[in-house]
Each structure stands twice: as C-alpha cells, then as structure tokens.
Amino acid sequence: CLRSPLFRSFAQRVTSSCSLADRSTPEGPRVAFIRRRGARELLGSAEGWLVEECNRLGVDLRVITFHRLPLCQQVELVRDSNILIGVHGAALTHMLWLPREAVVVEIFPVGFRKAVFRNLAKLLGLGYISVEPTFRPRYWVKDEWKTAKVNVSQAELLDALRAAVRLSYSFGSGFGQKHVAQSENEEYS
C-alpha cells in the first residue's frame, strides 16, 4: 500500500473538482501550520516561535484556520506547501493534498498517542515527525486530551520544525540538493 494509488486518485479527483491545476513540489520549504482554537489549541507562544524560526531559516510559513475557509481554498493552501504542522486531529487528513515530497509534523496532546496519521503519511509516501510534549500535569482525567489545550516546549517544537525543513531539502526534486550537506547550525537560504 506504500504510496497508495487509491489515495492519490482520490486527491486528484478533489483537486480536479476544485479546478486546481497540477503543481510540482514547491521550490524550497513551505510550511502550512494548522491553527486550532479551543480544543487542542497550542498554549502560549508556540505559534510565535514557529513564525520567528521560519523567518530565521528563510522558510515561508502560512498559518491556516481551516474552519473559516471553503474546502477548495483549504486544499490549495496545503497543496502549495511541503511541510504540514498541526496538533493531532481531523485537519491532518489534509496531508492528502500535499505533494509527493512533503513532511507531516504531528503534535500530540498530553496523554494521547495514536499511529493514525503516521500510518496515513506512510501510505502516502510522506515524511513524518511526531512531537510529544514532555509536560505532564499532576492529575489527568481519562480522555481529557480531546478538549485540553496543548502545551509543547519551544525546544521540542522547533527541533521538529528544523528536522522537517532538513528532510524537505533531502527529497529528490533538486531544489534542496545544495543544502543537504549543510550543518544543522547553518541557516537555509
């Protein structure tokens, strides 16, 4: 099932019905960050950390609030990206629209870990990185992960972003071949 033709066929039908022309992988890393409000929203400055780090790395970042957009616009925004970052939830199924050379970063809420989106990424032939918060509350109610806010450390989140950027440069489309050998501490340009 790796690189499942069934999923690719479905994605092509949806993009065709949205009148979106075929596109190649973006030239350089382009991040789509799924913003959640309410349940499983990232706490604190997490979104700001992503913005600052993407600016530092010279990476294009789009912060997307899906529930406010029509489906075809959602598909187009993700399709024009090659890194998708979001907290565990149904919005990560938008990985169906990513180009073949793309990476998914899934942020897990405390007390929850499932392989659903990791498996989907594998079926689609996408790179996959998970972020599991190290913060653990003193008391936890079963299934509280569904409605709780998500607290992730700056180091955990930015390490995952940097890993996704490095992985995006390693794909075979050629846009990042000159960057593959760069050290972790250098900025990507």
C-alpha atoms as a PDB file:
ATOM      1  CA  CYS A   1       0.000   0.000   0.000  1.00  0.00           C
ATOM      2  CA  LEU A   2       3.000   2.345   0.167  1.00  0.00           C
ATOM      3  CA  ARG A   3       2.315   5.428  -1.956  1.00  0.00           C
ATOM      4  CA  SER A   4      -1.241   4.181  -2.304  1.00  0.00           C
ATOM      5  CA  PRO A   5      -2.700   4.875  -5.764  1.00  0.00           C
ATOM      6  CA  LEU A   6      -6.185   4.885  -4.209  1.00  0.00           C
ATOM      7  CA  PHE A   7      -5.391   7.932  -2.063  1.00  0.00           C
ATOM      8  CA  ARG A   8      -3.587   9.704  -4.914  1.00  0.00           C
ATOM      9  CA  SER A   9      -6.535   9.038  -7.228  1.00  0.00           C
ATOM     10  CA  PHE A  10      -8.962  10.471  -4.663  1.00  0.00           C
ATOM     11  CA  ALA A  11      -6.754  13.538  -4.176  1.00  0.00           C
ATOM     12  CA  GLN A  12      -6.587  14.090  -7.956  1.00  0.00           C
ATOM     13  CA  ARG A  13     -10.370  13.931  -8.212  1.00  0.00           C
ATOM     14  CA  VAL A  14     -10.794  16.517  -5.453  1.00  0.00           C
ATOM     15  CA  THR A  15      -8.179  18.885  -6.904  1.00  0.00           C
ATOM     16  CA  SER A  16      -9.753  18.490 -10.333  1.00  0.00           C
ATOM     17  CA  SER A  17     -13.215  19.302  -8.973  1.00  0.00           C
ATOM     18  CA  CYS A  18     -11.679  22.406  -7.337  1.00  0.00           C
ATOM     19  CA  SER A  19     -10.215  23.367 -10.750  1.00  0.00           C
ATOM     20  CA  LEU A  20      -6.678  23.300  -9.372  1.00  0.00           C
ATOM     21  CA  ALA A  21      -4.000  22.669 -11.981  1.00  0.00           C
ATOM     22  CA  ASP A  22      -1.297  20.084 -11.374  1.00  0.00           C
ATOM     23  CA  ARG A  23       1.607  21.556  -9.444  1.00  0.00           C
ATOM     24  CA  SER A  24       5.085  20.403  -8.681  1.00  0.00           C
ATOM     25  CA  THR A  25       6.689  20.416  -5.252  1.00  0.00           C
ATOM     26  CA  PRO A  26       7.292  23.992  -4.011  1.00  0.00           C
ATOM     27  CA  GLU A  27      10.770  25.402  -4.553  1.00  0.00           C
ATOM     28  CA  GLY A  28      12.157  25.278  -1.031  1.00  0.00           C
ATOM     29  CA  PRO A  29      10.431  24.573   2.268  1.00  0.00           C
ATOM     30  CA  ARG A  30       6.916  25.980   2.580  1.00  0.00           C
ATOM     31  CA  VAL A  31       5.137  25.337   5.873  1.00  0.00           C
ATOM     32  CA  ALA A  32       1.375  25.155   6.434  1.00  0.00           C
ATOM     33  CA  PHE A  33       0.603  25.385  10.152  1.00  0.00           C
ATOM     34  CA  ILE A  34      -2.915  24.365  11.189  1.00  0.00           C
ATOM     35  CA  ARG A  35      -4.159  26.820  13.800  1.00  0.00           C
ATOM     36  CA  ARG A  36      -6.690  25.388  16.251  1.00  0.00           C
ATOM     37  CA  ARG A  37      -8.880  27.397  18.573  1.00  0.00           C
ATOM     38  CA  GLY A  38     -10.448  25.883  21.670  1.00  0.00           C
ATOM     39  CA  ALA A  39      -9.925  22.135  21.988  1.00  0.00           C
ATOM     40  CA  ARG A  40      -6.303  21.085  21.406  1.00  0.00           C
ATOM     41  CA  GLU A  41      -5.155  24.638  20.767  1.00  0.00           C
ATOM     42  CA  LEU A  42      -1.433  25.221  21.298  1.00  0.00           C
ATOM     43  CA  LEU A  43      -0.791  27.151  24.503  1.00  0.00           C
ATOM     44  CA  GLY A  44       1.444  30.123  24.996  1.00  0.00           C
ATOM     45  CA  SER A  45       3.861  31.383  22.393  1.00  0.00           C
ATOM     46  CA  ALA A  46       4.096  28.247  20.229  1.00  0.00           C
ATOM     47  CA  GLU A  47       2.734  29.909  17.094  1.00  0.00           C
ATOM     48  CA  GLY A  48       5.079  32.868  17.605  1.00  0.00           C
ATOM     49  CA  TRP A  49       8.038  30.508  17.960  1.00  0.00           C
ATOM     50  CA  LEU A  50       7.171  28.948  14.594  1.00  0.00           C
ATOM     51  CA  VAL A  51       6.883  32.367  12.938  1.00  0.00           C
ATOM     52  CA  GLU A  52      10.233  33.533  14.345  1.00  0.00           C
ATOM     53  CA  GLU A  53      12.078  30.323  13.448  1.00  0.00           C
ATOM     54  CA  CYS A  54      10.660  30.208   9.921  1.00  0.00           C
ATOM     55  CA  ASN A  55      11.761  33.830   9.433  1.00  0.00           C
ATOM     56  CA  ARG A  56      15.225  32.974  10.770  1.00  0.00           C
ATOM     57  CA  LEU A  57      15.506  29.984   8.422  1.00  0.00           C
ATOM     58  CA  GLY A  58      14.091  31.877   5.428  1.00  0.00           C
ATOM     59  CA  VAL A  59      11.146  29.469   5.228  1.00  0.00           C
ATOM     60  CA  ASP A  60       7.693  30.511   4.026  1.00  0.00           C
ATOM     61  CA  LEU A  61       5.030  29.923   6.718  1.00  0.00           C
ATOM     62  CA  ARG A  62       1.269  30.021   6.287  1.00  0.00           C
ATOM     63  CA  VAL A  63      -0.892  29.927   9.400  1.00  0.00           C
ATOM     64  CA  ILE A  64      -4.237  28.429   8.403  1.00  0.00           C
ATOM     65  CA  THR A  65      -7.536  28.360  10.273  1.00  0.00           C
ATOM     66  CA  PHE A  66      -9.365  25.737   8.219  1.00  0.00           C
ATOM     67  CA  HIS A  67     -12.864  26.097   9.633  1.00  0.00           C
ATOM     68  CA  ARG A  68     -13.109  29.592   8.155  1.00  0.00           C
ATOM     69  CA  LEU A  69     -12.202  28.588   4.605  1.00  0.00           C
ATOM     70  CA  PRO A  70     -14.083  26.796   1.808  1.00  0.00           C
ATOM     71  CA  LEU A  71     -12.769  23.299   1.043  1.00  0.00           C
ATOM     72  CA  CYS A  72     -11.136  24.188  -2.279  1.00  0.00           C
ATOM     73  CA  GLN A  73      -9.162  27.007  -0.660  1.00  0.00           C
ATOM     74  CA  GLN A  74      -8.056  24.618   2.116  1.00  0.00           C
ATOM     75  CA  VAL A  75      -6.875  22.121  -0.500  1.00  0.00           C
ATOM     76  CA  GLU A  76      -4.995  24.796  -2.455  1.00  0.00           C
ATOM     77  CA  LEU A  77      -3.178  26.145   0.614  1.00  0.00           C
ATOM     78  CA  VAL A  78      -1.963  22.705   1.666  1.00  0.00           C
ATOM     79  CA  ARG A  79      -1.119  21.693  -1.886  1.00  0.00           C
ATOM     80  CA  ASP A  80       1.167  24.701  -2.175  1.00  0.00           C
ATOM     81  CA  SER A  81       3.123  23.541   0.902  1.00  0.00           C
ATOM     82  CA  ASN A  82       5.575  20.740   1.530  1.00  0.00           C
ATOM     83  CA  ILE A  83       5.525  20.758   5.337  1.00  0.00           C
ATOM     84  CA  LEU A  84       2.239  20.397   7.248  1.00  0.00           C
ATOM     85  CA  ILE A  85       2.284  21.025  11.009  1.00  0.00           C
ATOM     86  CA  GLY A  86      -0.662  20.521  13.338  1.00  0.00           C
ATOM     87  CA  VAL A  87      -1.973  19.138  16.600  1.00  0.00           C
ATOM     88  CA  HIS A  88      -3.498  15.655  16.333  1.00  0.00           C
ATOM     89  CA  GLY A  89      -6.967  15.932  14.817  1.00  0.00           C
ATOM     90  CA  ALA A  90      -9.040  15.510  11.671  1.00  0.00           C
ATOM     91  CA  ALA A  91      -7.436  18.531   9.977  1.00  0.00           C
ATOM     92  CA  LEU A  92      -4.262  16.465   9.499  1.00  0.00           C
ATOM     93  CA  THR A  93      -6.129  14.468   6.836  1.00  0.00           C
ATOM     94  CA  HIS A  94      -5.302  17.469   4.647  1.00  0.00           C
ATOM     95  CA  MET A  95      -1.999  15.675   4.122  1.00  0.00           C
ATOM     96  CA  LEU A  96      -3.867  14.029   1.232  1.00  0.00           C
ATOM     97  CA  TRP A  97      -3.290  17.231  -0.758  1.00  0.00           C
ATOM     98  CA  LEU A  98       0.452  17.527  -0.080  1.00  0.00           C
ATOM     99  CA  PRO A  99       2.865  16.959  -2.970  1.00  0.00           C
ATOM    100  CA  ARG A 100       4.740  13.653  -3.026  1.00  0.00           C
ATOM    101  CA  GLU A 101       7.863  15.139  -1.477  1.00  0.00           C
ATOM    102  CA  ALA A 102       6.440  16.507   1.766  1.00  0.00           C
ATOM    103  CA  VAL A 103       6.652  16.131   5.542  1.00  0.00           C
ATOM    104  CA  VAL A 104       3.922  15.966   8.203  1.00  0.00           C
ATOM    105  CA  VAL A 105       4.619  17.111  11.783  1.00  0.00           C
ATOM    106  CA  GLU A 106       2.008  15.860  14.237  1.00  0.00           C
ATOM    107  CA  ILE A 107       1.861  17.373  17.724  1.00  0.00           C
ATOM    108  CA  PHE A 108       0.289  15.061  20.275  1.00  0.00           C
ATOM    109  CA  PRO A 109      -1.755  16.226  23.244  1.00  0.00           C
ATOM    110  CA  VAL A 110      -0.608  15.024  26.668  1.00  0.00           C
ATOM    111  CA  GLY A 111      -1.870  11.534  27.468  1.00  0.00           C
ATOM    112  CA  PHE A 112      -2.567  10.540  23.867  1.00  0.00           C
ATOM    113  CA  ARG A 113      -0.603   8.808  21.145  1.00  0.00           C
ATOM    114  CA  LYS A 114      -2.043   7.007  18.142  1.00  0.00           C
ATOM    115  CA  ALA A 115      -0.479   5.994  14.850  1.00  0.00           C
ATOM    116  CA  VAL A 116      -3.420   7.021  12.644  1.00  0.00           C
ATOM    117  CA  PHE A 117      -1.753   9.952  10.875  1.00  0.00           C
ATOM    118  CA  ARG A 118       1.688   8.346  10.937  1.00  0.00           C
ATOM    119  CA  ASN A 119       0.177   5.405   9.051  1.00  0.00           C
ATOM    120  CA  LEU A 120      -1.618   7.688   6.589  1.00  0.00           C
ATOM    121  CA  ALA A 121       1.629   9.587   5.937  1.00  0.00           C
ATOM    122  CA  LYS A 122       3.375   6.268   5.302  1.00  0.00           C
ATOM    123  CA  LEU A 123       0.642   5.163   2.881  1.00  0.00           C
ATOM    124  CA  LEU A 124       1.067   8.437   1.014  1.00  0.00           C
ATOM    125  CA  GLY A 125       4.865   8.127   0.971  1.00  0.00           C
ATOM    126  CA  LEU A 126       5.319  11.282   3.061  1.00  0.00           C
ATOM    127  CA  GLY A 127       7.890  12.043   5.722  1.00  0.00           C
ATOM    128  CA  TYR A 128       6.523  12.016   9.264  1.00  0.00           C
ATOM    129  CA  ILE A 129       7.708  13.551  12.555  1.00  0.00           C
ATOM    130  CA  SER A 130       5.862  13.468  15.864  1.00  0.00           C
ATOM    131  CA  VAL A 131       6.131  15.853  18.791  1.00  0.00           C
ATOM    132  CA  GLU A 132       5.179  14.531  22.209  1.00  0.00           C
ATOM    133  CA  PRO A 133       5.024  17.125  24.961  1.00  0.00           C
ATOM    134  CA  THR A 134       7.206  16.362  27.948  1.00  0.00           C
ATOM    135  CA  PHE A 135       4.950  18.417  30.221  1.00  0.00           C
ATOM    136  CA  ARG A 136       2.670  16.131  32.209  1.00  0.00           C
ATOM    137  CA  PRO A 137       0.014  17.527  34.532  1.00  0.00           C
ATOM    138  CA  ARG A 138      -0.056  16.289  38.087  1.00  0.00           C
ATOM    139  CA  TYR A 139      -3.587  14.949  37.714  1.00  0.00           C
ATOM    140  CA  TRP A 140      -5.131  13.771  34.486  1.00  0.00           C
ATOM    141  CA  VAL A 141      -8.659  12.648  33.693  1.00  0.00           C
ATOM    142  CA  LYS A 142      -9.058   9.903  31.079  1.00  0.00           C
ATOM    143  CA  ASP A 143      -9.866  11.322  27.617  1.00  0.00           C
ATOM    144  CA  GLU A 144      -9.120  14.873  28.757  1.00  0.00           C
ATOM    145  CA  TRP A 145      -6.759  15.100  25.763  1.00  0.00           C
ATOM    146  CA  LYS A 146      -9.795  15.633  23.499  1.00  0.00           C
ATOM    147  CA  THR A 147     -10.608  19.075  24.930  1.00  0.00           C
ATOM    148  CA  ALA A 148      -7.434  20.198  26.716  1.00  0.00           C
ATOM    149  CA  LYS A 149      -5.073  22.831  25.379  1.00  0.00           C
ATOM    150  CA  VAL A 150      -1.694  21.504  24.217  1.00  0.00           C
ATOM    151  CA  ASN A 151       1.486  22.617  25.946  1.00  0.00           C
ATOM    152  CA  VAL A 152       4.658  21.931  23.978  1.00  0.00           C
ATOM    153  CA  SER A 153       8.129  23.186  24.774  1.00  0.00           C
ATOM    154  CA  GLN A 154       9.887  25.590  22.451  1.00  0.00           C
ATOM    155  CA  ALA A 155      12.784  23.157  22.020  1.00  0.00           C
ATOM    156  CA  GLU A 156      10.515  20.232  21.094  1.00  0.00           C
ATOM    157  CA  LEU A 157       8.511  22.232  18.573  1.00  0.00           C
ATOM    158  CA  LEU A 158      11.449  23.964  16.905  1.00  0.00           C
ATOM    159  CA  ASP A 159      13.510  20.762  16.770  1.00  0.00           C
ATOM    160  CA  ALA A 160      10.631  19.151  14.856  1.00  0.00           C
ATOM    161  CA  LEU A 161      10.362  22.163  12.514  1.00  0.00           C
ATOM    162  CA  ARG A 162      14.106  22.110  11.803  1.00  0.00           C
ATOM    163  CA  ALA A 163      14.015  18.348  11.194  1.00  0.00           C
ATOM    164  CA  ALA A 164      11.111  18.785   8.751  1.00  0.00           C
ATOM    165  CA  VAL A 165      12.987  21.541   6.904  1.00  0.00           C
ATOM    166  CA  ARG A 166      16.117  19.365   6.672  1.00  0.00           C
ATOM    167  CA  LEU A 167      14.023  16.435   5.442  1.00  0.00           C
ATOM    168  CA  SER A 168      12.315  18.619   2.830  1.00  0.00           C
ATOM    169  CA  TYR A 169      15.754  19.531   1.473  1.00  0.00           C
ATOM    170  CA  SER A 170      16.680  15.867   1.115  1.00  0.00           C
ATOM    171  CA  PHE A 171      13.966  14.982  -1.398  1.00  0.00           C
ATOM    172  CA  GLY A 172      14.911  14.283  -4.990  1.00  0.00           C
ATOM    173  CA  SER A 173      13.257  17.223  -6.777  1.00  0.00           C
ATOM    174  CA  GLY A 174      16.584  19.029  -6.835  1.00  0.00           C
ATOM    175  CA  PHE A 175      15.530  22.219  -5.078  1.00  0.00           C
ATOM    176  CA  GLY A 176      17.441  21.388  -1.952  1.00  0.00           C
ATOM    177  CA  GLN A 177      20.338  19.279  -3.095  1.00  0.00           C
ATOM    178  CA  LYS A 178      22.898  22.007  -2.405  1.00  0.00           C
ATOM    179  CA  HIS A 179      21.600  22.278   1.176  1.00  0.00           C
ATOM    180  CA  VAL A 180      21.678  18.619   2.164  1.00  0.00           C
ATOM    181  CA  ALA A 181      25.308  18.734   3.240  1.00  0.00           C
ATOM    182  CA  GLN A 182      24.941  21.893   5.332  1.00  0.00           C
ATOM    183  CA  SER A 183      25.357  21.556   9.048  1.00  0.00           C
ATOM    184  CA  GLU A 184      22.416  21.753  11.407  1.00  0.00           C
ATOM    185  CA  ASN A 185      23.568  25.118  12.725  1.00  0.00           C
ATOM    186  CA  GLU A 186      23.586  26.939   9.395  1.00  0.00           C
ATOM    187  CA  GLU A 187      20.641  28.887   8.081  1.00  0.00           C
ATOM    188  CA  TYR A 188      18.973  27.664   4.905  1.00  0.00           C
ATOM    189  CA  SER A 189      18.755  30.154   2.092  1.00  0.00           C
END
